[in-house]
Amino acid sequence: MWDLSWLIQRLSPIDILDICLVAALFFWLFYALRGTRAIPLVRGVTVLVISLAMLSRLVPLRAFSWLVQQLSPAILVAVPILFQPELRRALEHLGRGGFLPIGQRNENIDLILNKIVEAAKVMAGRNVGALIVFERKTGLQEYIETGIVIDAEVSKELLTTIFDHHTVLHDGAVIIREGRVYAASCVMPLTSAFLSDRHLGLRHRAALGITEESDAIAIVVSEERGAISVTHDGRIIRDLNAKRLTSVLKTFLDKSTPKEKRILGRTRHKREH
């Protein structure tokens, strides 16, 4: 405590300004990376750097400390390369005048799910193909940028209009972010797994692919069979009615892991790698 008081007394206004600027820089960098898949990578790099620094300082390992010192410049060079898309996006955002965070919206999740389920039911009855992806903790910004940003309230009419064959935006995925239809006509990554069922087309491969790459949840409406499926964690639950679809979505969007595992255990689709 005495050391802390001594340090505080020695701080000058310039030192305080210096600390605030460094803190603001880190805040801006972390805020710029939000909504992207770089967040897990940031955590891994942070844990690695802190662990190496603590181990080299606390334990007198001369060879290991020398190795860490030699690797430090390489890490400083590698970080901008790894985060090049995110840093470029952040600089563009700053150039457009965006800096301060915008508060997240509070939405009634049950009402939103009911609208999405109703839209899926209508499209399944009309054999209209659709792919609806829910963004969760892993950001999908890089996929949002492949489509058209809409940022509109969720409604049955909007979703059925987007996936109508006569509209330009029907080919691709709709991404739901913070309870809103944030983007449409987005390109999703395709799964590399072997799918033995010939009824699983390109939309199903895209739905499986995005859930392999992130923690997203995807709803697929088959254009050929009019069947509704849900994908999560690289697995698929097929042939769902409206009631079952609502139950599965609420379970996956909830944090109850044991219940989620029970549902995943009942999936009827088995993939062969």
C-alpha atoms as a PDB file:
ATOM      1  CA  MET A   1       0.000   0.000   0.000  1.00  0.00           C
ATOM      2  CA  TRP A   2       2.873   2.362   0.803  1.00  0.00           C
ATOM      3  CA  ASP A   3       4.436   1.656  -2.594  1.00  0.00           C
ATOM      4  CA  LEU A   4       1.143   2.436  -4.332  1.00  0.00           C
ATOM      5  CA  SER A   5       0.758   5.723  -2.451  1.00  0.00           C
ATOM      6  CA  TRP A   6       4.343   6.608  -3.284  1.00  0.00           C
ATOM      7  CA  LEU A   7       3.730   5.942  -6.974  1.00  0.00           C
ATOM      8  CA  ILE A   8       0.535   8.009  -7.000  1.00  0.00           C
ATOM      9  CA  GLN A   9       2.303  10.952  -5.372  1.00  0.00           C
ATOM     10  CA  ARG A  10       5.005  10.877  -8.042  1.00  0.00           C
ATOM     11  CA  LEU A  11       2.485  11.000 -10.905  1.00  0.00           C
ATOM     12  CA  SER A  12       2.464  14.300 -12.741  1.00  0.00           C
ATOM     13  CA  PRO A  13      -0.369  15.603 -14.957  1.00  0.00           C
ATOM     14  CA  ILE A  14       1.690  14.568 -17.995  1.00  0.00           C
ATOM     15  CA  ASP A  15       1.977  10.997 -16.641  1.00  0.00           C
ATOM     16  CA  ILE A  16      -1.782  10.833 -16.077  1.00  0.00           C
ATOM     17  CA  LEU A  17      -2.384  12.089 -19.624  1.00  0.00           C
ATOM     18  CA  ASP A  18       0.061   9.504 -20.930  1.00  0.00           C
ATOM     19  CA  ILE A  19      -1.753   6.670 -19.125  1.00  0.00           C
ATOM     20  CA  CYS A  20      -5.143   7.889 -20.363  1.00  0.00           C
ATOM     21  CA  LEU A  21      -3.923   8.003 -23.965  1.00  0.00           C
ATOM     22  CA  VAL A  22      -2.553   4.455 -23.782  1.00  0.00           C
ATOM     23  CA  ALA A  23      -5.797   3.233 -22.194  1.00  0.00           C
ATOM     24  CA  ALA A  24      -7.838   5.011 -24.876  1.00  0.00           C
ATOM     25  CA  LEU A  25      -5.726   3.403 -27.604  1.00  0.00           C
ATOM     26  CA  PHE A  26      -6.262  -0.093 -26.221  1.00  0.00           C
ATOM     27  CA  PHE A  27      -9.970   0.616 -25.748  1.00  0.00           C
ATOM     28  CA  TRP A  28     -10.281   1.718 -29.369  1.00  0.00           C
ATOM     29  CA  LEU A  29      -8.417  -1.354 -30.626  1.00  0.00           C
ATOM     30  CA  PHE A  30     -10.563  -3.784 -28.627  1.00  0.00           C
ATOM     31  CA  TYR A  31     -13.740  -1.967 -29.648  1.00  0.00           C
ATOM     32  CA  ALA A  32     -12.670  -2.071 -33.287  1.00  0.00           C
ATOM     33  CA  LEU A  33     -12.213  -5.847 -33.062  1.00  0.00           C
ATOM     34  CA  ARG A  34     -15.622  -6.485 -31.547  1.00  0.00           C
ATOM     35  CA  GLY A  35     -18.033  -8.293 -33.837  1.00  0.00           C
ATOM     36  CA  THR A  36     -15.250 -10.193 -35.595  1.00  0.00           C
ATOM     37  CA  ARG A  37     -13.750 -13.657 -35.324  1.00  0.00           C
ATOM     38  CA  ALA A  38     -10.503 -12.058 -34.164  1.00  0.00           C
ATOM     39  CA  ILE A  39     -11.682 -11.912 -30.545  1.00  0.00           C
ATOM     40  CA  PRO A  40     -10.654 -15.526 -29.690  1.00  0.00           C
ATOM     41  CA  LEU A  41      -7.323 -14.863 -31.401  1.00  0.00           C
ATOM     42  CA  VAL A  42      -6.831 -11.732 -29.283  1.00  0.00           C
ATOM     43  CA  ARG A  43      -7.492 -13.744 -26.146  1.00  0.00           C
ATOM     44  CA  GLY A  44      -5.009 -16.400 -27.193  1.00  0.00           C
ATOM     45  CA  VAL A  45      -2.288 -13.871 -28.011  1.00  0.00           C
ATOM     46  CA  THR A  46      -2.916 -12.003 -24.749  1.00  0.00           C
ATOM     47  CA  VAL A  47      -2.699 -15.172 -22.661  1.00  0.00           C
ATOM     48  CA  LEU A  48       0.461 -16.240 -24.495  1.00  0.00           C
ATOM     49  CA  VAL A  49       2.212 -12.889 -24.044  1.00  0.00           C
ATOM     50  CA  ILE A  50       1.275 -12.588 -20.356  1.00  0.00           C
ATOM     51  CA  SER A  51       2.329 -16.169 -19.641  1.00  0.00           C
ATOM     52  CA  LEU A  52       5.683 -15.749 -21.360  1.00  0.00           C
ATOM     53  CA  ALA A  53       6.350 -12.439 -19.589  1.00  0.00           C
ATOM     54  CA  MET A  54       5.470 -13.798 -16.144  1.00  0.00           C
ATOM     55  CA  LEU A  55       7.444 -17.010 -16.638  1.00  0.00           C
ATOM     56  CA  SER A  56      10.542 -15.171 -17.840  1.00  0.00           C
ATOM     57  CA  ARG A  57      10.368 -12.689 -14.951  1.00  0.00           C
ATOM     58  CA  LEU A  58       9.478 -14.977 -12.053  1.00  0.00           C
ATOM     59  CA  VAL A  59      11.713 -17.929 -12.880  1.00  0.00           C
ATOM     60  CA  PRO A  60      15.447 -17.347 -13.575  1.00  0.00           C
ATOM     61  CA  LEU A  61      15.563 -19.241 -16.865  1.00  0.00           C
ATOM     62  CA  ARG A  62      18.309 -17.601 -18.877  1.00  0.00           C
ATOM     63  CA  ALA A  63      17.886 -19.542 -22.109  1.00  0.00           C
ATOM     64  CA  PHE A  64      14.103 -19.220 -22.063  1.00  0.00           C
ATOM     65  CA  SER A  65      14.289 -15.484 -21.252  1.00  0.00           C
ATOM     66  CA  TRP A  66      16.706 -15.002 -24.148  1.00  0.00           C
ATOM     67  CA  LEU A  67      14.325 -16.853 -26.469  1.00  0.00           C
ATOM     68  CA  VAL A  68      11.388 -14.672 -25.360  1.00  0.00           C
ATOM     69  CA  GLN A  69      13.412 -11.522 -25.971  1.00  0.00           C
ATOM     70  CA  GLN A  70      14.332 -12.711 -29.451  1.00  0.00           C
ATOM     71  CA  LEU A  71      10.736 -13.609 -30.275  1.00  0.00           C
ATOM     72  CA  SER A  72       9.255 -10.314 -29.060  1.00  0.00           C
ATOM     73  CA  PRO A  73      10.038  -8.368 -32.282  1.00  0.00           C
ATOM     74  CA  ALA A  74       8.561 -11.208 -34.344  1.00  0.00           C
ATOM     75  CA  ILE A  75       5.349 -11.097 -32.296  1.00  0.00           C
ATOM     76  CA  LEU A  76       5.088  -7.325 -32.811  1.00  0.00           C
ATOM     77  CA  VAL A  77       5.399  -7.860 -36.567  1.00  0.00           C
ATOM     78  CA  ALA A  78       2.997 -10.818 -36.631  1.00  0.00           C
ATOM     79  CA  VAL A  79       0.147  -9.080 -34.780  1.00  0.00           C
ATOM     80  CA  PRO A  80      -0.573  -6.451 -37.509  1.00  0.00           C
ATOM     81  CA  ILE A  81      -0.436  -9.204 -40.131  1.00  0.00           C
ATOM     82  CA  LEU A  82      -2.887 -11.432 -38.264  1.00  0.00           C
ATOM     83  CA  PHE A  83      -5.301  -8.577 -37.594  1.00  0.00           C
ATOM     84  CA  GLN A  84      -4.847  -6.794 -40.923  1.00  0.00           C
ATOM     85  CA  PRO A  85      -8.542  -6.970 -42.018  1.00  0.00           C
ATOM     86  CA  GLU A  86      -9.792  -5.866 -38.595  1.00  0.00           C
ATOM     87  CA  LEU A  87      -7.283  -3.013 -38.301  1.00  0.00           C
ATOM     88  CA  ARG A  88      -8.099  -1.795 -41.793  1.00  0.00           C
ATOM     89  CA  ARG A  89     -11.817  -1.880 -40.970  1.00  0.00           C
ATOM     90  CA  ALA A  90     -11.172   0.027 -37.747  1.00  0.00           C
ATOM     91  CA  LEU A  91      -9.183   2.735 -39.542  1.00  0.00           C
ATOM     92  CA  GLU A  92     -11.915   3.082 -42.164  1.00  0.00           C
ATOM     93  CA  HIS A  93     -14.493   3.357 -39.401  1.00  0.00           C
ATOM     94  CA  LEU A  94     -12.397   6.030 -37.704  1.00  0.00           C
ATOM     95  CA  GLY A  95     -12.050   7.899 -40.987  1.00  0.00           C
ATOM     96  CA  ARG A  96     -15.830   7.997 -41.323  1.00  0.00           C
ATOM     97  CA  GLY A  97     -16.057   9.577 -37.899  1.00  0.00           C
ATOM     98  CA  GLY A  98     -17.129   6.520 -35.919  1.00  0.00           C
ATOM     99  CA  PHE A  99     -15.365   6.076 -32.594  1.00  0.00           C
ATOM    100  CA  LEU A 100     -17.695   5.953 -29.623  1.00  0.00           C
ATOM    101  CA  PRO A 101     -19.568   2.701 -28.977  1.00  0.00           C
ATOM    102  CA  ILE A 102     -23.255   2.512 -29.628  1.00  0.00           C
ATOM    103  CA  GLY A 103     -25.432   0.939 -26.984  1.00  0.00           C
ATOM    104  CA  GLN A 104     -26.901  -2.448 -27.764  1.00  0.00           C
ATOM    105  CA  ARG A 105     -30.616  -2.772 -28.294  1.00  0.00           C
ATOM    106  CA  ASN A 106     -32.846  -4.618 -25.886  1.00  0.00           C
ATOM    107  CA  GLU A 107     -35.324  -6.786 -27.740  1.00  0.00           C
ATOM    108  CA  ASN A 108     -37.954  -9.291 -26.733  1.00  0.00           C
ATOM    109  CA  ILE A 109     -36.294 -12.521 -27.803  1.00  0.00           C
ATOM    110  CA  ASP A 110     -39.520 -14.552 -27.637  1.00  0.00           C
ATOM    111  CA  LEU A 111     -41.328 -12.121 -29.935  1.00  0.00           C
ATOM    112  CA  ILE A 112     -38.437 -12.122 -32.387  1.00  0.00           C
ATOM    113  CA  LEU A 113     -38.237 -15.915 -32.453  1.00  0.00           C
ATOM    114  CA  ASN A 114     -41.976 -16.190 -33.038  1.00  0.00           C
ATOM    115  CA  LYS A 115     -41.710 -13.905 -36.063  1.00  0.00           C
ATOM    116  CA  ILE A 116     -38.761 -15.857 -37.476  1.00  0.00           C
ATOM    117  CA  VAL A 117     -40.456 -19.207 -36.896  1.00  0.00           C
ATOM    118  CA  GLU A 118     -43.641 -17.935 -38.552  1.00  0.00           C
ATOM    119  CA  ALA A 119     -41.620 -16.755 -41.549  1.00  0.00           C
ATOM    120  CA  ALA A 120     -39.846 -20.111 -41.792  1.00  0.00           C
ATOM    121  CA  LYS A 121     -43.192 -21.909 -41.622  1.00  0.00           C
ATOM    122  CA  VAL A 122     -44.630 -19.786 -44.445  1.00  0.00           C
ATOM    123  CA  MET A 123     -41.563 -20.264 -46.643  1.00  0.00           C
ATOM    124  CA  ALA A 124     -41.513 -24.014 -46.003  1.00  0.00           C
ATOM    125  CA  GLY A 125     -45.164 -24.210 -47.074  1.00  0.00           C
ATOM    126  CA  ARG A 126     -44.304 -22.404 -50.312  1.00  0.00           C
ATOM    127  CA  ASN A 127     -41.048 -24.332 -50.926  1.00  0.00           C
ATOM    128  CA  VAL A 128     -39.040 -21.132 -50.733  1.00  0.00           C
ATOM    129  CA  GLY A 129     -35.404 -21.724 -49.826  1.00  0.00           C
ATOM    130  CA  ALA A 130     -33.985 -19.662 -46.968  1.00  0.00           C
ATOM    131  CA  LEU A 131     -30.948 -19.412 -44.714  1.00  0.00           C
ATOM    132  CA  ILE A 132     -31.180 -17.372 -41.499  1.00  0.00           C
ATOM    133  CA  VAL A 133     -28.099 -17.094 -39.287  1.00  0.00           C
ATOM    134  CA  PHE A 134     -28.092 -15.884 -35.670  1.00  0.00           C
ATOM    135  CA  GLU A 135     -24.911 -14.075 -34.639  1.00  0.00           C
ATOM    136  CA  ARG A 136     -23.841 -14.878 -31.083  1.00  0.00           C
ATOM    137  CA  LYS A 137     -20.557 -14.288 -29.255  1.00  0.00           C
ATOM    138  CA  THR A 138     -18.390 -14.904 -32.311  1.00  0.00           C
ATOM    139  CA  GLY A 139     -18.802 -11.907 -34.590  1.00  0.00           C
ATOM    140  CA  LEU A 140     -19.827 -12.373 -38.217  1.00  0.00           C
ATOM    141  CA  GLN A 141     -18.757  -8.960 -39.484  1.00  0.00           C
ATOM    142  CA  GLU A 142     -16.588 -10.363 -42.269  1.00  0.00           C
ATOM    143  CA  TYR A 143     -19.604 -12.242 -43.654  1.00  0.00           C
ATOM    144  CA  ILE A 144     -21.886  -9.245 -43.188  1.00  0.00           C
ATOM    145  CA  GLU A 145     -19.563  -7.271 -45.448  1.00  0.00           C
ATOM    146  CA  THR A 146     -20.199  -9.763 -48.270  1.00  0.00           C
ATOM    147  CA  GLY A 147     -23.897  -8.854 -48.297  1.00  0.00           C
ATOM    148  CA  ILE A 148     -26.174  -5.837 -48.013  1.00  0.00           C
ATOM    149  CA  VAL A 149     -26.703  -4.148 -44.635  1.00  0.00           C
ATOM    150  CA  ILE A 150     -30.394  -3.657 -43.839  1.00  0.00           C
ATOM    151  CA  ASP A 151     -30.553  -3.156 -40.041  1.00  0.00           C
ATOM    152  CA  ALA A 152     -34.331  -3.483 -39.836  1.00  0.00           C
ATOM    153  CA  GLU A 153     -36.774  -4.904 -37.332  1.00  0.00           C
ATOM    154  CA  VAL A 154     -37.553  -8.591 -37.656  1.00  0.00           C
ATOM    155  CA  SER A 155     -40.875  -9.324 -39.299  1.00  0.00           C
ATOM    156  CA  LYS A 156     -42.431 -12.206 -41.167  1.00  0.00           C
ATOM    157  CA  GLU A 157     -43.153  -9.988 -44.156  1.00  0.00           C
ATOM    158  CA  LEU A 158     -39.560  -8.755 -44.416  1.00  0.00           C
ATOM    159  CA  LEU A 159     -38.013 -12.222 -44.255  1.00  0.00           C
ATOM    160  CA  THR A 160     -40.414 -13.766 -46.761  1.00  0.00           C
ATOM    161  CA  THR A 161     -39.850 -10.827 -49.118  1.00  0.00           C
ATOM    162  CA  ILE A 162     -36.058 -11.105 -48.900  1.00  0.00           C
ATOM    163  CA  PHE A 163     -36.067 -14.811 -49.817  1.00  0.00           C
ATOM    164  CA  ASP A 164     -38.651 -14.446 -52.571  1.00  0.00           C
ATOM    165  CA  HIS A 165     -37.246 -15.620 -55.899  1.00  0.00           C
ATOM    166  CA  HIS A 166     -38.139 -12.323 -57.569  1.00  0.00           C
ATOM    167  CA  THR A 167     -35.935 -10.234 -55.258  1.00  0.00           C
ATOM    168  CA  VAL A 168     -32.246  -9.548 -55.710  1.00  0.00           C
ATOM    169  CA  LEU A 169     -31.365 -10.444 -52.107  1.00  0.00           C
ATOM    170  CA  HIS A 170     -32.851 -13.952 -52.054  1.00  0.00           C
ATOM    171  CA  ASP A 171     -29.567 -15.695 -52.912  1.00  0.00           C
ATOM    172  CA  GLY A 172     -27.524 -15.799 -49.713  1.00  0.00           C
ATOM    173  CA  ALA A 173     -28.032 -15.723 -45.970  1.00  0.00           C
ATOM    174  CA  VAL A 174     -29.775 -13.288 -43.657  1.00  0.00           C
ATOM    175  CA  ILE A 175     -27.809 -12.475 -40.505  1.00  0.00           C
ATOM    176  CA  ILE A 176     -29.680 -11.636 -37.302  1.00  0.00           C
ATOM    177  CA  ARG A 177     -27.642  -9.349 -35.046  1.00  0.00           C
ATOM    178  CA  GLU A 178     -28.888  -7.951 -31.723  1.00  0.00           C
ATOM    179  CA  GLY A 179     -32.444  -8.958 -32.518  1.00  0.00           C
ATOM    180  CA  ARG A 180     -32.566  -7.242 -35.907  1.00  0.00           C
ATOM    181  CA  VAL A 181     -32.299  -8.285 -39.546  1.00  0.00           C
ATOM    182  CA  TYR A 182     -28.871  -6.761 -39.949  1.00  0.00           C
ATOM    183  CA  ALA A 183     -27.771  -7.972 -43.385  1.00  0.00           C
ATOM    184  CA  ALA A 184     -29.016 -10.032 -46.322  1.00  0.00           C
ATOM    185  CA  SER A 185     -27.500 -11.834 -49.310  1.00  0.00           C
ATOM    186  CA  CYS A 186     -24.435 -12.738 -47.231  1.00  0.00           C
ATOM    187  CA  VAL A 187     -21.996 -15.390 -48.430  1.00  0.00           C
ATOM    188  CA  MET A 188     -21.382 -18.167 -45.912  1.00  0.00           C
ATOM    189  CA  PRO A 189     -18.448 -20.616 -45.835  1.00  0.00           C
ATOM    190  CA  LEU A 190     -19.242 -24.124 -47.052  1.00  0.00           C
ATOM    191  CA  THR A 191     -18.551 -27.145 -44.900  1.00  0.00           C
ATOM    192  CA  SER A 192     -15.778 -29.443 -46.085  1.00  0.00           C
ATOM    193  CA  ALA A 193     -17.420 -32.475 -44.485  1.00  0.00           C
ATOM    194  CA  PHE A 194     -18.841 -35.273 -46.621  1.00  0.00           C
ATOM    195  CA  LEU A 195     -22.645 -35.200 -46.711  1.00  0.00           C
ATOM    196  CA  SER A 196     -24.130 -38.561 -47.589  1.00  0.00           C
ATOM    197  CA  ASP A 197     -27.710 -37.289 -47.984  1.00  0.00           C
ATOM    198  CA  ARG A 198     -28.322 -35.918 -51.476  1.00  0.00           C
ATOM    199  CA  HIS A 199     -31.187 -33.775 -50.152  1.00  0.00           C
ATOM    200  CA  LEU A 200     -28.682 -31.567 -48.338  1.00  0.00           C
ATOM    201  CA  GLY A 201     -27.870 -28.860 -50.849  1.00  0.00           C
ATOM    202  CA  LEU A 202     -25.781 -25.716 -50.946  1.00  0.00           C
ATOM    203  CA  ARG A 203     -27.792 -23.927 -48.247  1.00  0.00           C
ATOM    204  CA  HIS A 204     -27.314 -26.821 -45.847  1.00  0.00           C
ATOM    205  CA  ARG A 205     -23.579 -26.892 -46.572  1.00  0.00           C
ATOM    206  CA  ALA A 206     -23.402 -23.146 -45.908  1.00  0.00           C
ATOM    207  CA  ALA A 207     -25.409 -23.518 -42.694  1.00  0.00           C
ATOM    208  CA  LEU A 208     -23.090 -26.253 -41.453  1.00  0.00           C
ATOM    209  CA  GLY A 209     -20.044 -24.281 -42.552  1.00  0.00           C
ATOM    210  CA  ILE A 210     -20.881 -21.116 -40.611  1.00  0.00           C
ATOM    211  CA  THR A 211     -21.600 -23.119 -37.465  1.00  0.00           C
ATOM    212  CA  GLU A 212     -18.247 -24.873 -37.842  1.00  0.00           C
ATOM    213  CA  GLU A 213     -16.480 -21.528 -38.143  1.00  0.00           C
ATOM    214  CA  SER A 214     -18.353 -19.811 -35.290  1.00  0.00           C
ATOM    215  CA  ASP A 215     -20.888 -20.341 -32.512  1.00  0.00           C
ATOM    216  CA  ALA A 216     -23.714 -19.135 -34.748  1.00  0.00           C
ATOM    217  CA  ILE A 217     -27.068 -20.875 -35.137  1.00  0.00           C
ATOM    218  CA  ALA A 218     -28.612 -21.256 -38.584  1.00  0.00           C
ATOM    219  CA  ILE A 219     -32.117 -22.034 -39.833  1.00  0.00           C
ATOM    220  CA  VAL A 220     -32.375 -23.687 -43.238  1.00  0.00           C
ATOM    221  CA  VAL A 221     -35.553 -23.995 -45.281  1.00  0.00           C
ATOM    222  CA  SER A 222     -35.171 -26.523 -48.068  1.00  0.00           C
ATOM    223  CA  GLU A 223     -36.361 -25.310 -51.452  1.00  0.00           C
ATOM    224  CA  GLU A 224     -36.721 -28.865 -52.754  1.00  0.00           C
ATOM    225  CA  ARG A 225     -38.576 -30.502 -49.847  1.00  0.00           C
ATOM    226  CA  GLY A 226     -39.938 -27.541 -47.902  1.00  0.00           C
ATOM    227  CA  ALA A 227     -38.329 -28.962 -44.737  1.00  0.00           C
ATOM    228  CA  ILE A 228     -36.953 -26.851 -41.898  1.00  0.00           C
ATOM    229  CA  SER A 229     -33.606 -27.645 -40.283  1.00  0.00           C
ATOM    230  CA  VAL A 230     -31.383 -26.057 -37.641  1.00  0.00           C
ATOM    231  CA  THR A 231     -27.594 -26.268 -37.577  1.00  0.00           C
ATOM    232  CA  HIS A 232     -25.361 -25.682 -34.573  1.00  0.00           C
ATOM    233  CA  ASP A 233     -21.743 -26.584 -33.834  1.00  0.00           C
ATOM    234  CA  GLY A 234     -21.396 -28.320 -37.203  1.00  0.00           C
ATOM    235  CA  ARG A 235     -24.448 -30.534 -36.607  1.00  0.00           C
ATOM    236  CA  ILE A 236     -27.923 -30.476 -38.053  1.00  0.00           C
ATOM    237  CA  ILE A 237     -31.422 -31.186 -36.716  1.00  0.00           C
ATOM    238  CA  ARG A 238     -33.806 -31.878 -39.583  1.00  0.00           C
ATOM    239  CA  ASP A 239     -37.524 -31.943 -40.371  1.00  0.00           C
ATOM    240  CA  LEU A 240     -38.716 -29.587 -37.644  1.00  0.00           C
ATOM    241  CA  ASN A 241     -42.221 -28.265 -37.285  1.00  0.00           C
ATOM    242  CA  ALA A 242     -42.948 -24.783 -35.919  1.00  0.00           C
ATOM    243  CA  LYS A 243     -43.311 -25.896 -32.306  1.00  0.00           C
ATOM    244  CA  ARG A 244     -40.145 -27.978 -32.353  1.00  0.00           C
ATOM    245  CA  LEU A 245     -38.230 -25.223 -34.148  1.00  0.00           C
ATOM    246  CA  THR A 246     -39.179 -22.714 -31.454  1.00  0.00           C
ATOM    247  CA  SER A 247     -38.096 -25.100 -28.715  1.00  0.00           C
ATOM    248  CA  VAL A 248     -34.735 -25.833 -30.363  1.00  0.00           C
ATOM    249  CA  LEU A 249     -33.969 -22.160 -30.988  1.00  0.00           C
ATOM    250  CA  LYS A 250     -34.812 -21.161 -27.426  1.00  0.00           C
ATOM    251  CA  THR A 251     -32.608 -23.946 -26.118  1.00  0.00           C
ATOM    252  CA  PHE A 252     -29.612 -23.038 -28.273  1.00  0.00           C
ATOM    253  CA  LEU A 253     -29.957 -19.317 -27.613  1.00  0.00           C
ATOM    254  CA  ASP A 254     -30.125 -20.047 -23.897  1.00  0.00           C
ATOM    255  CA  LYS A 255     -27.010 -20.794 -21.844  1.00  0.00           C
ATOM    256  CA  SER A 256     -28.208 -24.161 -20.513  1.00  0.00           C
ATOM    257  CA  THR A 257     -25.424 -26.367 -21.859  1.00  0.00           C
ATOM    258  CA  PRO A 258     -26.690 -29.760 -20.574  1.00  0.00           C
ATOM    259  CA  LYS A 259     -30.040 -29.293 -22.284  1.00  0.00           C
ATOM    260  CA  GLU A 260     -28.277 -28.221 -25.456  1.00  0.00           C
ATOM    261  CA  LYS A 261     -26.151 -31.369 -25.404  1.00  0.00           C
ATOM    262  CA  ARG A 262     -29.256 -33.535 -25.033  1.00  0.00           C
ATOM    263  CA  ILE A 263     -30.774 -32.018 -28.153  1.00  0.00           C
ATOM    264  CA  LEU A 264     -27.545 -32.359 -30.098  1.00  0.00           C
ATOM    265  CA  GLY A 265     -27.440 -35.995 -29.070  1.00  0.00           C
ATOM    266  CA  ARG A 266     -30.775 -36.565 -30.808  1.00  0.00           C
ATOM    267  CA  THR A 267     -29.664 -35.241 -34.183  1.00  0.00           C
ATOM    268  CA  ARG A 268     -30.469 -37.614 -36.973  1.00  0.00           C
ATOM    269  CA  HIS A 269     -27.784 -36.504 -39.386  1.00  0.00           C
ATOM    270  CA  LYS A 270     -24.382 -38.193 -39.049  1.00  0.00           C
ATOM    271  CA  ARG A 271     -21.507 -36.667 -40.932  1.00  0.00           C
ATOM    272  CA  GLU A 272     -18.486 -38.564 -42.185  1.00  0.00           C
ATOM    273  CA  HIS A 273     -15.224 -36.628 -42.375  1.00  0.00           C
END
